[in-house]
PDB file of N, CA and C in Angstrom:
ATOM      1  N   UNK A   1       0.810  -1.193   0.000  1.00  0.00           N
ATOM      2  CA  UNK A   1       0.000   0.000   0.000  1.00  0.00           C
ATOM      3  C   UNK A   1       0.858   1.264   0.000  1.00  0.00           C
ATOM      4  N   UNK A   2       1.898   1.271   0.827  1.00  0.00           N
ATOM      5  CA  UNK A   2       2.713   2.476   0.941  1.00  0.00           C
ATOM      6  C   UNK A   2       4.187   2.097   0.970  1.00  0.00           C
ATOM      7  N   UNK A   3       4.990   2.843   0.254  1.00  0.00           N
ATOM      8  CA  UNK A   3       6.433   2.620   0.205  1.00  0.00           C
ATOM      9  C   UNK A   3       7.111   3.955   0.459  1.00  0.00           C
ATOM     10  N   UNK A   4       7.689   4.110   1.629  1.00  0.00           N
ATOM     11  CA  UNK A   4       8.413   5.333   1.983  1.00  0.00           C
ATOM     12  C   UNK A   4       9.868   4.975   2.177  1.00  0.00           C
ATOM     13  N   UNK A   5      10.763   5.886   1.846  1.00  0.00           N
ATOM     14  CA  UNK A   5      12.190   5.587   1.907  1.00  0.00           C
ATOM     15  C   UNK A   5      12.935   6.535   2.828  1.00  0.00           C
ATOM     16  N   UNK A   6      13.944   5.993   3.454  1.00  0.00           N
ATOM     17  CA  UNK A   6      14.899   6.770   4.234  1.00  0.00           C
ATOM     18  C   UNK A   6      16.279   6.344   3.781  1.00  0.00           C
ATOM     19  N   UNK A   7      17.229   7.274   3.779  1.00  0.00           N
ATOM     20  CA  UNK A   7      18.585   6.975   3.325  1.00  0.00           C
ATOM     21  C   UNK A   7      19.604   7.427   4.356  1.00  0.00           C
ATOM     22  N   UNK A   8      20.727   6.732   4.356  1.00  0.00           N
ATOM     23  CA  UNK A   8      21.839   7.097   5.220  1.00  0.00           C
ATOM     24  C   UNK A   8      23.100   7.140   4.379  1.00  0.00           C
ATOM     25  N   UNK A   9      23.876   8.193   4.529  1.00  0.00           N
ATOM     26  CA  UNK A   9      25.190   8.299   3.889  1.00  0.00           C
ATOM     27  C   UNK A   9      26.217   8.346   5.012  1.00  0.00           C
ATOM     28  N   UNK A  10      27.186   7.458   4.983  1.00  0.00           N
ATOM     29  CA  UNK A  10      28.199   7.341   6.029  1.00  0.00           C
ATOM     30  C   UNK A  10      29.556   7.568   5.402  1.00  0.00           C
ATOM     31  N   UNK A  11      30.382   8.389   6.030  1.00  0.00           N
ATOM     32  CA  UNK A  11      31.747   8.616   5.572  1.00  0.00           C
ATOM     33  C   UNK A  11      32.696   8.259   6.701  1.00  0.00           C
ATOM     34  N   UNK A  12      33.738   7.523   6.363  1.00  0.00           N
ATOM     35  CA  UNK A  12      34.733   7.157   7.349  1.00  0.00           C
ATOM     36  C   UNK A  12      34.515   5.766   7.898  1.00  0.00           C
ATOM     37  N   UNK A  13      35.394   5.373   8.801  1.00  0.00           N
ATOM     38  CA  UNK A  13      35.389   4.009   9.322  1.00  0.00           C
ATOM     39  C   UNK A  13      34.888   3.973  10.758  1.00  0.00           C
ATOM     40  N   UNK A  14      34.111   2.933  11.049  1.00  0.00           N
ATOM     41  CA  UNK A  14      33.696   2.639  12.411  1.00  0.00           C
ATOM     42  C   UNK A  14      33.257   3.843  13.211  1.00  0.00           C
ATOM     43  N   UNK A  15      33.725   3.906  14.447  1.00  0.00           N
ATOM     44  CA  UNK A  15      33.306   4.958  15.370  1.00  0.00           C
ATOM     45  C   UNK A  15      33.790   6.346  14.966  1.00  0.00           C
ATOM     46  N   UNK A  16      34.823   6.422  14.128  1.00  0.00           N
ATOM     47  CA  UNK A  16      35.320   7.735  13.717  1.00  0.00           C
ATOM     48  C   UNK A  16      34.521   8.306  12.548  1.00  0.00           C
ATOM     49  N   UNK A  17      33.667   7.498  11.921  1.00  0.00           N
ATOM     50  CA  UNK A  17      32.861   7.960  10.795  1.00  0.00           C
ATOM     51  C   UNK A  17      31.699   8.829  11.246  1.00  0.00           C
ATOM     52  N   UNK A  18      31.057   9.455  10.276  1.00  0.00           N
ATOM     53  CA  UNK A  18      29.894  10.288  10.538  1.00  0.00           C
ATOM     54  C   UNK A  18      28.843  10.010   9.490  1.00  0.00           C
ATOM     55  N   UNK A  19      27.568  10.071   9.905  1.00  0.00           N
ATOM     56  CA  UNK A  19      26.490   9.787   8.981  1.00  0.00           C
ATOM     57  C   UNK A  19      25.455  10.882   8.929  1.00  0.00           C
ATOM     58  N   UNK A  20      24.714  10.896   7.824  1.00  0.00           N
ATOM     59  CA  UNK A  20      23.600  11.804   7.632  1.00  0.00           C
ATOM     60  C   UNK A  20      22.382  10.978   7.257  1.00  0.00           C
ATOM     61  N   UNK A  21      21.265  11.252   7.915  1.00  0.00           N
ATOM     62  CA  UNK A  21      20.012  10.552   7.648  1.00  0.00           C
ATOM     63  C   UNK A  21      19.079  11.505   6.927  1.00  0.00           C
ATOM     64  N   UNK A  22      18.408  11.011   5.895  1.00  0.00           N
ATOM     65  CA  UNK A  22      17.388  11.817   5.232  1.00  0.00           C
ATOM     66  C   UNK A  22      16.201  10.927   4.909  1.00  0.00           C
ATOM     67  N   UNK A  23      15.038  11.550   4.829  1.00  0.00           N
ATOM     68  CA  UNK A  23      13.827  10.802   4.510  1.00  0.00           C
ATOM     69  C   UNK A  23      13.182  11.376   3.260  1.00  0.00           C
ATOM     70  N   UNK A  24      12.387  10.563   2.630  1.00  0.00           N
ATOM     71  CA  UNK A  24      11.777  10.919   1.355  1.00  0.00           C
ATOM     72  C   UNK A  24      10.949  12.203   1.439  1.00  0.00           C
ATOM     73  N   UNK A  25      10.112  12.321   2.429  1.00  0.00           N
ATOM     74  CA  UNK A  25       9.220  13.476   2.500  1.00  0.00           C
ATOM     75  C   UNK A  25       9.718  14.563   3.433  1.00  0.00           C
ATOM     76  N   UNK A  26      10.655  14.212   4.312  1.00  0.00           N
ATOM     77  CA  UNK A  26      11.124  15.176   5.290  1.00  0.00           C
ATOM     78  C   UNK A  26      10.131  15.408   6.407  1.00  0.00           C
ATOM     79  N   UNK A  27       9.086  14.618   6.454  1.00  0.00           N
ATOM     80  CA  UNK A  27       8.032  14.807   7.449  1.00  0.00           C
ATOM     81  C   UNK A  27       7.999  13.627   8.413  1.00  0.00           C
ATOM     82  N   UNK A  28       9.043  13.507   9.224  1.00  0.00           N
ATOM     83  CA  UNK A  28       9.129  12.364  10.129  1.00  0.00           C
ATOM     84  C   UNK A  28       7.933  12.257  11.065  1.00  0.00           C
ATOM     85  N   UNK A  29       7.316  13.358  11.396  1.00  0.00           N
ATOM     86  CA  UNK A  29       6.198  13.305  12.320  1.00  0.00           C
ATOM     87  C   UNK A  29       4.911  12.800  11.673  1.00  0.00           C
ATOM     88  N   UNK A  30       4.874  12.714  10.349  1.00  0.00           N
ATOM     89  CA  UNK A  30       3.654  12.295   9.663  1.00  0.00           C
ATOM     90  C   UNK A  30       3.719  10.882   9.098  1.00  0.00           C
ATOM     91  N   UNK A  31       4.896  10.341   8.938  1.00  0.00           N
ATOM     92  CA  UNK A  31       5.052   9.040   8.292  1.00  0.00           C
ATOM     93  C   UNK A  31       5.924   8.134   9.143  1.00  0.00           C
ATOM     94  N   UNK A  32       5.329   7.386  10.079  1.00  0.00           N
ATOM     95  CA  UNK A  32       6.137   6.569  10.993  1.00  0.00           C
ATOM     96  C   UNK A  32       6.982   5.512  10.296  1.00  0.00           C
ATOM     97  N   UNK A  33       6.567   5.071   9.110  1.00  0.00           N
ATOM     98  CA  UNK A  33       7.379   4.090   8.407  1.00  0.00           C
ATOM     99  C   UNK A  33       8.722   4.689   7.989  1.00  0.00           C
ATOM    100  N   UNK A  34       8.775   6.014   7.756  1.00  0.00           N
ATOM    101  CA  UNK A  34      10.046   6.656   7.449  1.00  0.00           C
ATOM    102  C   UNK A  34      10.959   6.663   8.669  1.00  0.00           C
ATOM    103  N   UNK A  35      10.391   6.832   9.844  1.00  0.00           N
ATOM    104  CA  UNK A  35      11.187   6.795  11.071  1.00  0.00           C
ATOM    105  C   UNK A  35      11.813   5.415  11.219  1.00  0.00           C
ATOM    106  N   UNK A  36      11.029   4.371  10.985  1.00  0.00           N
ATOM    107  CA  UNK A  36      11.538   2.997  11.055  1.00  0.00           C
ATOM    108  C   UNK A  36      12.632   2.800  10.020  1.00  0.00           C
ATOM    109  N   UNK A  37      12.393   3.272   8.799  1.00  0.00           N
ATOM    110  CA  UNK A  37      13.389   3.132   7.735  1.00  0.00           C
ATOM    111  C   UNK A  37      14.680   3.859   8.058  1.00  0.00           C
ATOM    112  N   UNK A  38      14.562   5.077   8.571  1.00  0.00           N
ATOM    113  CA  UNK A  38      15.756   5.852   8.921  1.00  0.00           C
ATOM    114  C   UNK A  38      16.538   5.163  10.026  1.00  0.00           C
ATOM    115  N   UNK A  39      15.824   4.701  11.048  1.00  0.00           N
ATOM    116  CA  UNK A  39      16.494   4.028  12.161  1.00  0.00           C
ATOM    117  C   UNK A  39      17.158   2.737  11.703  1.00  0.00           C
ATOM    118  N   UNK A  40      16.459   1.947  10.878  1.00  0.00           N
ATOM    119  CA  UNK A  40      17.021   0.676  10.420  1.00  0.00           C
ATOM    120  C   UNK A  40      18.228   0.910   9.516  1.00  0.00           C
ATOM    121  N   UNK A  41      18.115   1.862   8.589  1.00  0.00           N
ATOM    122  CA  UNK A  41      19.239   2.161   7.696  1.00  0.00           C
ATOM    123  C   UNK A  41      20.449   2.635   8.488  1.00  0.00           C
ATOM    124  N   UNK A  42      20.227   3.495   9.480  1.00  0.00           N
ATOM    125  CA  UNK A  42      21.343   4.005  10.293  1.00  0.00           C
ATOM    126  C   UNK A  42      21.995   2.895  11.098  1.00  0.00           C
ATOM    127  N   UNK A  43      21.196   2.079  11.744  1.00  0.00           N
ATOM    128  CA  UNK A  43      21.718   0.990  12.576  1.00  0.00           C
ATOM    129  C   UNK A  43      22.499  -0.012  11.723  1.00  0.00           C
ATOM    130  N   UNK A  44      21.917  -0.419  10.607  1.00  0.00           N
ATOM    131  CA  UNK A  44      22.556  -1.367   9.707  1.00  0.00           C
ATOM    132  C   UNK A  44      23.866  -0.788   9.156  1.00  0.00           C
ATOM    133  N   UNK A  45      23.847   0.486   8.763  1.00  0.00           N
ATOM    134  CA  UNK A  45      25.037   1.133   8.218  1.00  0.00           C
ATOM    135  C   UNK A  45      26.175   1.136   9.231  1.00  0.00           C
ATOM    136  N   UNK A  46      25.857   1.517  10.456  1.00  0.00           N
ATOM    137  CA  UNK A  46      26.888   1.536  11.495  1.00  0.00           C
ATOM    138  C   UNK A  46      27.392   0.126  11.792  1.00  0.00           C
ATOM    139  N   UNK A  47      26.484  -0.856  11.834  1.00  0.00           N
ATOM    140  CA  UNK A  47      26.902  -2.242  12.093  1.00  0.00           C
ATOM    141  C   UNK A  47      27.848  -2.721  11.001  1.00  0.00           C
ATOM    142  N   UNK A  48      27.562  -2.383   9.737  1.00  0.00           N
ATOM    143  CA  UNK A  48      28.438  -2.777   8.636  1.00  0.00           C
ATOM    144  C   UNK A  48      29.796  -2.089   8.756  1.00  0.00           C
ATOM    145  N   UNK A  49      29.793  -0.792   9.027  1.00  0.00           N
ATOM    146  CA  UNK A  49      31.044  -0.051   9.145  1.00  0.00           C
ATOM    147  C   UNK A  49      31.904  -0.583  10.296  1.00  0.00           C
ATOM    148  N   UNK A  50      31.277  -0.835  11.439  1.00  0.00           N
ATOM    149  CA  UNK A  50      32.018  -1.353  12.594  1.00  0.00           C
ATOM    150  C   UNK A  50      32.582  -2.738  12.300  1.00  0.00           C
ATOM    151  N   UNK A  51      31.797  -3.600  11.635  1.00  0.00           N
ATOM    152  CA  UNK A  51      32.258  -4.953  11.301  1.00  0.00           C
ATOM    153  C   UNK A  51      33.413  -4.899  10.306  1.00  0.00           C
ATOM    154  N   UNK A  52      33.317  -4.000   9.320  1.00  0.00           N
ATOM    155  CA  UNK A  52      34.400  -3.851   8.346  1.00  0.00           C
ATOM    156  C   UNK A  52      35.672  -3.391   9.048  1.00  0.00           C
ATOM    157  N   UNK A  53      35.540  -2.429   9.943  1.00  0.00           N
ATOM    158  CA  UNK A  53      36.677  -1.927  10.700  1.00  0.00           C
ATOM    159  C   UNK A  53      37.316  -3.045  11.524  1.00  0.00           C
ATOM    160  N   UNK A  54      36.494  -3.842  12.174  1.00  0.00           N
ATOM    161  CA  UNK A  54      36.987  -4.957  12.989  1.00  0.00           C
ATOM    162  C   UNK A  54      37.715  -5.993  12.138  1.00  0.00           C
ATOM    163  N   UNK A  55      37.258  -6.156  10.892  1.00  0.00           N
ATOM    164  CA  UNK A  55      37.874  -7.116   9.971  1.00  0.00           C
ATOM    165  C   UNK A  55      39.114  -6.548   9.270  1.00  0.00           C
ATOM    166  N   UNK A  56      39.457  -5.297   9.593  1.00  0.00           N
ATOM    167  CA  UNK A  56      40.662  -4.698   9.028  1.00  0.00           C
ATOM    168  C   UNK A  56      40.446  -3.880   7.771  1.00  0.00           C
ATOM    169  N   UNK A  57      39.201  -3.553   7.458  1.00  0.00           N
ATOM    170  CA  UNK A  57      38.885  -2.753   6.270  1.00  0.00           C
ATOM    171  C   UNK A  57      38.367  -1.389   6.706  1.00  0.00           C
ATOM    172  N   UNK A  58      38.842  -0.346   6.047  1.00  0.00           N
ATOM    173  CA  UNK A  58      38.394   1.007   6.364  1.00  0.00           C
ATOM    174  C   UNK A  58      37.343   1.432   5.338  1.00  0.00           C
ATOM    175  N   UNK A  59      36.117   1.628   5.797  1.00  0.00           N
ATOM    176  CA  UNK A  59      35.072   2.082   4.887  1.00  0.00           C
ATOM    177  C   UNK A  59      35.283   3.551   4.569  1.00  0.00           C
ATOM    178  N   UNK A  60      35.221   3.876   3.288  1.00  0.00           N
ATOM    179  CA  UNK A  60      35.334   5.277   2.869  1.00  0.00           C
ATOM    180  C   UNK A  60      33.962   5.935   2.831  1.00  0.00           C
ATOM    181  N   UNK A  61      32.995   5.210   2.303  1.00  0.00           N
ATOM    182  CA  UNK A  61      31.629   5.738   2.280  1.00  0.00           C
ATOM    183  C   UNK A  61      30.653   4.577   2.205  1.00  0.00           C
ATOM    184  N   UNK A  62      29.483   4.801   2.794  1.00  0.00           N
ATOM    185  CA  UNK A  62      28.410   3.802   2.775  1.00  0.00           C
ATOM    186  C   UNK A  62      27.117   4.555   2.538  1.00  0.00           C
ATOM    187  N   UNK A  63      26.322   4.077   1.609  1.00  0.00           N
ATOM    188  CA  UNK A  63      24.991   4.620   1.373  1.00  0.00           C
ATOM    189  C   UNK A  63      23.988   3.489   1.508  1.00  0.00           C
ATOM    190  N   UNK A  64      23.052   3.663   2.409  1.00  0.00           N
ATOM    191  CA  UNK A  64      22.028   2.650   2.652  1.00  0.00           C
ATOM    192  C   UNK A  64      20.660   3.285   2.501  1.00  0.00           C
ATOM    193  N   UNK A  65      19.782   2.591   1.805  1.00  0.00           N
ATOM    194  CA  UNK A  65      18.388   2.985   1.694  1.00  0.00           C
ATOM    195  C   UNK A  65      17.548   1.873   2.306  1.00  0.00           C
ATOM    196  N   UNK A  66      16.550   2.261   3.076  1.00  0.00           N
ATOM    197  CA  UNK A  66      15.597   1.301   3.632  1.00  0.00           C
ATOM    198  C   UNK A  66      14.216   1.677   3.119  1.00  0.00           C
ATOM    199  N   UNK A  67      13.634   0.824   2.300  1.00  0.00           N
ATOM    200  CA  UNK A  67      12.266   1.027   1.821  1.00  0.00           C
ATOM    201  C   UNK A  67      11.357   0.228   2.745  1.00  0.00           C
ATOM    202  N   UNK A  68      10.363   0.884   3.312  1.00  0.00           N
ATOM    203  CA  UNK A  68       9.469   0.270   4.290  1.00  0.00           C
ATOM    204  C   UNK A  68       8.054   0.277   3.721  1.00  0.00           C
ATOM    205  N   UNK A  69       7.424  -0.893   3.662  1.00  0.00           N
ATOM    206  CA  UNK A  69       6.068  -1.017   3.150  1.00  0.00           C
ATOM    207  C   UNK A  69       5.087  -1.124   4.313  1.00  0.00           C
ATOM    208  N   UNK A  70       4.089  -0.262   4.293  1.00  0.00           N
ATOM    209  CA  UNK A  70       3.020  -0.270   5.278  1.00  0.00           C
ATOM    210  C   UNK A  70       1.783  -0.802   4.571  1.00  0.00           C
ATOM    211  N   UNK A  71       1.232  -1.905   5.074  1.00  0.00           N
ATOM    212  CA  UNK A  71       0.102  -2.552   4.420  1.00  0.00           C
ATOM    213  C   UNK A  71      -1.100  -2.599   5.359  1.00  0.00           C
ATOM    214  N   UNK A  72      -2.283  -2.543   4.783  1.00  0.00           N
ATOM    215  CA  UNK A  72      -3.531  -2.639   5.546  1.00  0.00           C
ATOM    216  C   UNK A  72      -3.674  -4.054   6.084  1.00  0.00           C
ATOM    217  N   UNK A  73      -4.027  -4.139   7.367  1.00  0.00           N
ATOM    218  CA  UNK A  73      -4.283  -5.451   7.979  1.00  0.00           C
ATOM    219  C   UNK A  73      -5.454  -5.278   8.939  1.00  0.00           C
ATOM    220  N   UNK A  74      -6.568  -5.887   8.587  1.00  0.00           N
ATOM    221  CA  UNK A  74      -7.764  -5.717   9.405  1.00  0.00           C
ATOM    222  C   UNK A  74      -8.150  -4.252   9.464  1.00  0.00           C
ATOM    223  N   UNK A  75      -8.360  -3.743  10.665  1.00  0.00           N
ATOM    224  CA  UNK A  75      -8.719  -2.339  10.843  1.00  0.00           C
ATOM    225  C   UNK A  75      -7.500  -1.430  10.953  1.00  0.00           C
ATOM    226  N   UNK A  76      -6.303  -2.018  10.962  1.00  0.00           N
ATOM    227  CA  UNK A  76      -5.084  -1.231  11.135  1.00  0.00           C
ATOM    228  C   UNK A  76      -4.094  -1.451  10.020  1.00  0.00           C
ATOM    229  N   UNK A  77      -2.836  -1.244  10.363  1.00  0.00           N
ATOM    230  CA  UNK A  77      -1.759  -1.378   9.392  1.00  0.00           C
ATOM    231  C   UNK A  77      -0.625  -2.180  10.006  1.00  0.00           C
ATOM    232  N   UNK A  78       0.203  -2.743   9.132  1.00  0.00           N
ATOM    233  CA  UNK A  78       1.362  -3.514   9.561  1.00  0.00           C
ATOM    234  C   UNK A  78       2.516  -3.253   8.595  1.00  0.00           C
ATOM    235  N   UNK A  79       3.725  -3.243   9.106  1.00  0.00           N
ATOM    236  CA  UNK A  79       4.898  -3.197   8.231  1.00  0.00           C
ATOM    237  C   UNK A  79       5.133  -4.627   7.767  1.00  0.00           C
ATOM    238  N   UNK A  80       4.972  -4.859   6.463  1.00  0.00           N
ATOM    239  CA  UNK A  80       5.108  -6.234   5.975  1.00  0.00           C
ATOM    240  C   UNK A  80       6.407  -6.493   5.208  1.00  0.00           C
ATOM    241  N   UNK A  81       7.149  -5.431   4.867  1.00  0.00           N
ATOM    242  CA  UNK A  81       8.415  -5.614   4.156  1.00  0.00           C
ATOM    243  C   UNK A  81       9.345  -4.444   4.419  1.00  0.00           C
ATOM    244  N   UNK A  82      10.624  -4.767   4.455  1.00  0.00           N
ATOM    245  CA  UNK A  82      11.668  -3.744   4.468  1.00  0.00           C
ATOM    246  C   UNK A  82      12.735  -4.219   3.494  1.00  0.00           C
ATOM    247  N   UNK A  83      13.130  -3.340   2.597  1.00  0.00           N
ATOM    248  CA  UNK A  83      14.183  -3.665   1.637  1.00  0.00           C
ATOM    249  C   UNK A  83      15.367  -2.740   1.882  1.00  0.00           C
ATOM    250  N   UNK A  84      16.467  -3.310   2.340  1.00  0.00           N
ATOM    251  CA  UNK A  84      17.707  -2.560   2.548  1.00  0.00           C
ATOM    252  C   UNK A  84      18.536  -2.636   1.272  1.00  0.00           C
ATOM    253  N   UNK A  85      19.053  -1.509   0.841  1.00  0.00           N
ATOM    254  CA  UNK A  85      19.958  -1.465  -0.303  1.00  0.00           C
ATOM    255  C   UNK A  85      21.245  -0.795   0.162  1.00  0.00           C
ATOM    256  N   UNK A  86      22.358  -1.498  -0.005  1.00  0.00           N
ATOM    257  CA  UNK A  86      23.658  -1.049   0.481  1.00  0.00           C
ATOM    258  C   UNK A  86      24.609  -0.823  -0.689  1.00  0.00           C
ATOM    259  N   UNK A  87      25.231   0.344  -0.694  1.00  0.00           N
ATOM    260  CA  UNK A  87      26.317   0.645  -1.620  1.00  0.00           C
ATOM    261  C   UNK A  87      27.445   1.199  -0.768  1.00  0.00           C
ATOM    262  N   UNK A  88      28.630   0.623  -0.916  1.00  0.00           N
ATOM    263  CA  UNK A  88      29.734   1.059  -0.067  1.00  0.00           C
ATOM    264  C   UNK A  88      31.046   1.050  -0.835  1.00  0.00           C
ATOM    265  N   UNK A  89      31.927   1.953  -0.440  1.00  0.00           N
ATOM    266  CA  UNK A  89      33.283   1.995  -0.979  1.00  0.00           C
ATOM    267  C   UNK A  89      34.206   1.534   0.144  1.00  0.00           C
ATOM    268  N   UNK A  90      34.740   0.317  -0.032  1.00  0.00           N
ATOM    269  CA  UNK A  90      35.604  -0.287   0.980  1.00  0.00           C
ATOM    270  C   UNK A  90      36.844  -0.831   0.272  1.00  0.00           C
ATOM    271  N   UNK A  91      37.907  -0.033   0.192  1.00  0.00           N
ATOM    272  CA  UNK A  91      39.109  -0.474  -0.517  1.00  0.00           C
ATOM    273  C   UNK A  91      39.663  -1.786   0.039  1.00  0.00           C
ATOM    274  N   UNK A  92      40.014  -2.680  -0.886  1.00  0.00           N
ATOM    275  CA  UNK A  92      40.640  -3.941  -0.516  1.00  0.00           C
ATOM    276  C   UNK A  92      39.682  -5.057  -0.154  1.00  0.00           C
ATOM    277  N   UNK A  93      38.401  -4.772  -0.023  1.00  0.00           N
ATOM    278  CA  UNK A  93      37.441  -5.807   0.358  1.00  0.00           C
ATOM    279  C   UNK A  93      36.898  -6.486  -0.897  1.00  0.00           C
ATOM    280  N   UNK A  94      36.986  -7.817  -0.940  1.00  0.00           N
ATOM    281  CA  UNK A  94      36.427  -8.538  -2.081  1.00  0.00           C
ATOM    282  C   UNK A  94      34.930  -8.755  -1.877  1.00  0.00           C
ATOM    283  N   UNK A  95      34.263  -9.218  -2.930  1.00  0.00           N
ATOM    284  CA  UNK A  95      32.806  -9.365  -2.882  1.00  0.00           C
ATOM    285  C   UNK A  95      32.367 -10.369  -1.825  1.00  0.00           C
ATOM    286  N   UNK A  96      33.087 -11.454  -1.657  1.00  0.00           N
ATOM    287  CA  UNK A  96      32.693 -12.468  -0.662  1.00  0.00           C
ATOM    288  C   UNK A  96      32.714 -11.886   0.747  1.00  0.00           C
ATOM    289  N   UNK A  97      33.754 -11.148   1.075  1.00  0.00           N
ATOM    290  CA  UNK A  97      33.836 -10.517   2.398  1.00  0.00           C
ATOM    291  C   UNK A  97      32.742  -9.463   2.551  1.00  0.00           C
ATOM    292  N   UNK A  98      32.504  -8.700   1.489  1.00  0.00           N
ATOM    293  CA  UNK A  98      31.461  -7.671   1.506  1.00  0.00           C
ATOM    294  C   UNK A  98      30.104  -8.297   1.801  1.00  0.00           C
ATOM    295  N   UNK A  99      29.766  -9.345   1.046  1.00  0.00           N
ATOM    296  CA  UNK A  99      28.468 -10.004   1.224  1.00  0.00           C
ATOM    297  C   UNK A  99      28.336 -10.601   2.625  1.00  0.00           C
ATOM    298  N   UNK A 100      29.411 -11.210   3.111  1.00  0.00           N
ATOM    299  CA  UNK A 100      29.392 -11.825   4.438  1.00  0.00           C
ATOM    300  C   UNK A 100      29.180 -10.776   5.534  1.00  0.00           C
ATOM    301  N   UNK A 101      29.934  -9.682   5.483  1.00  0.00           N
ATOM    302  CA  UNK A 101      29.794  -8.632   6.490  1.00  0.00           C
ATOM    303  C   UNK A 101      28.421  -7.954   6.404  1.00  0.00           C
ATOM    304  N   UNK A 102      27.929  -7.760   5.188  1.00  0.00           N
ATOM    305  CA  UNK A 102      26.610  -7.139   5.021  1.00  0.00           C
ATOM    306  C   UNK A 102      25.512  -8.036   5.579  1.00  0.00           C
ATOM    307  N   UNK A 103      25.576  -9.326   5.288  1.00  0.00           N
ATOM    308  CA  UNK A 103      24.564 -10.257   5.806  1.00  0.00           C
ATOM    309  C   UNK A 103      24.612 -10.322   7.331  1.00  0.00           C
ATOM    310  N   UNK A 104      25.816 -10.312   7.883  1.00  0.00           N
ATOM    311  CA  UNK A 104      25.957 -10.349   9.337  1.00  0.00           C
ATOM    312  C   UNK A 104      25.415  -9.065   9.968  1.00  0.00           C
ATOM    313  N   UNK A 105      25.691  -7.922   9.351  1.00  0.00           N
ATOM    314  CA  UNK A 105      25.172  -6.650   9.873  1.00  0.00           C
ATOM    315  C   UNK A 105      23.648  -6.632   9.822  1.00  0.00           C
ATOM    316  N   UNK A 106      23.077  -7.149   8.737  1.00  0.00           N
ATOM    317  CA  UNK A 106      21.616  -7.210   8.606  1.00  0.00           C
ATOM    318  C   UNK A 106      21.017  -8.081   9.698  1.00  0.00           C
ATOM    319  N   UNK A 107      21.628  -9.217   9.961  1.00  0.00           N
ATOM    320  CA  UNK A 107      21.093 -10.154  10.950  1.00  0.00           C
ATOM    321  C   UNK A 107      21.286  -9.678  12.384  1.00  0.00           C
ATOM    322  N   UNK A 108      22.344  -8.914  12.633  1.00  0.00           N
ATOM    323  CA  UNK A 108      22.720  -8.635  14.013  1.00  0.00           C
ATOM    324  C   UNK A 108      22.640  -7.189  14.472  1.00  0.00           C
ATOM    325  N   UNK A 109      22.285  -6.251  13.601  1.00  0.00           N
ATOM    326  CA  UNK A 109      22.141  -4.891  14.120  1.00  0.00           C
ATOM    327  C   UNK A 109      20.914  -4.869  15.032  1.00  0.00           C
ATOM    328  N   UNK A 110      20.949  -4.075  16.081  1.00  0.00           N
ATOM    329  CA  UNK A 110      19.848  -4.072  17.045  1.00  0.00           C
ATOM    330  C   UNK A 110      18.469  -3.813  16.434  1.00  0.00           C
ATOM    331  N   UNK A 111      18.392  -2.961  15.406  1.00  0.00           N
ATOM    332  CA  UNK A 111      17.088  -2.702  14.802  1.00  0.00           C
ATOM    333  C   UNK A 111      16.588  -3.898  14.007  1.00  0.00           C
ATOM    334  N   UNK A 112      17.473  -4.620  13.335  1.00  0.00           N
ATOM    335  CA  UNK A 112      17.043  -5.835  12.639  1.00  0.00           C
ATOM    336  C   UNK A 112      16.464  -6.827  13.640  1.00  0.00           C
ATOM    337  N   UNK A 113      17.124  -6.952  14.774  1.00  0.00           N
ATOM    338  CA  UNK A 113      16.617  -7.862  15.808  1.00  0.00           C
ATOM    339  C   UNK A 113      15.274  -7.378  16.337  1.00  0.00           C
ATOM    340  N   UNK A 114      15.139  -6.075  16.555  1.00  0.00           N
ATOM    341  CA  UNK A 114      13.881  -5.526  17.062  1.00  0.00           C
ATOM    342  C   UNK A 114      12.751  -5.674  16.046  1.00  0.00           C
ATOM    343  N   UNK A 115      13.102  -5.707  14.773  1.00  0.00           N
ATOM    344  CA  UNK A 115      12.107  -5.811  13.709  1.00  0.00           C
ATOM    345  C   UNK A 115      11.888  -7.253  13.237  1.00  0.00           C
ATOM    346  N   UNK A 116      12.236  -8.211  14.062  1.00  0.00           N
ATOM    347  CA  UNK A 116      12.129  -9.624  13.694  1.00  0.00           C
ATOM    348  C   UNK A 116      10.709 -10.038  13.320  1.00  0.00           C
ATOM    349  N   UNK A 117       9.706  -9.303  13.757  1.00  0.00           N
ATOM    350  CA  UNK A 117       8.316  -9.641  13.424  1.00  0.00           C
ATOM    351  C   UNK A 117       7.937  -9.255  11.989  1.00  0.00           C
ATOM    352  N   UNK A 118       8.776  -8.451  11.338  1.00  0.00           N
ATOM    353  CA  UNK A 118       8.495  -8.086   9.946  1.00  0.00           C
ATOM    354  C   UNK A 118       8.734  -9.323   9.091  1.00  0.00           C
ATOM    355  N   UNK A 119       7.717  -9.769   8.334  1.00  0.00           N
ATOM    356  CA  UNK A 119       7.824 -11.018   7.588  1.00  0.00           C
ATOM    357  C   UNK A 119       8.963 -11.087   6.577  1.00  0.00           C
ATOM    358  N   UNK A 120       9.323  -9.947   5.968  1.00  0.00           N
ATOM    359  CA  UNK A 120      10.338  -9.971   4.909  1.00  0.00           C
ATOM    360  C   UNK A 120      11.268  -8.773   5.041  1.00  0.00           C
ATOM    361  N   UNK A 121      12.547  -9.050   5.285  1.00  0.00           N
ATOM    362  CA  UNK A 121      13.583  -8.021   5.256  1.00  0.00           C
ATOM    363  C   UNK A 121      14.657  -8.505   4.294  1.00  0.00           C
ATOM    364  N   UNK A 122      14.836  -7.752   3.209  1.00  0.00           N
ATOM    365  CA  UNK A 122      15.793  -8.157   2.182  1.00  0.00           C
ATOM    366  C   UNK A 122      16.986  -7.212   2.181  1.00  0.00           C
ATOM    367  N   UNK A 123      18.064  -7.676   1.550  1.00  0.00           N
ATOM    368  CA  UNK A 123      19.285  -6.880   1.434  1.00  0.00           C
ATOM    369  C   UNK A 123      19.850  -7.032   0.035  1.00  0.00           C
ATOM    370  N   UNK A 124      20.068  -5.906  -0.597  1.00  0.00           N
ATOM    371  CA  UNK A 124      20.696  -5.876  -1.927  1.00  0.00           C
ATOM    372  C   UNK A 124      21.980  -5.080  -1.793  1.00  0.00           C
TER     373      UNK A 124
END
């Protein structure tokens, strides 16, 4: 029914990096799915950056988008899907390491764990 997006741009490695969060409409108080998307994208981005740093890779930049679908369920609504899209510049990291760290960040960031009731969370 509804697809709202939030994005995170991260520069630098691990705890020394800095991020910026933006939402599609800029109206966080009107679209709670954007708040969820922004929080999930930020948490996932930081988890990926910290994991890369721990593995010996310095992230130069990370861009994450979280698309959150709000669907009608009975008399209310439910978040039925979240699609995370990750683009990152990590010198020296091969695709296998990238995919492994990204999957681990998706599974283990605190917001992913908190959102375990969402039936479908994908990562591209």
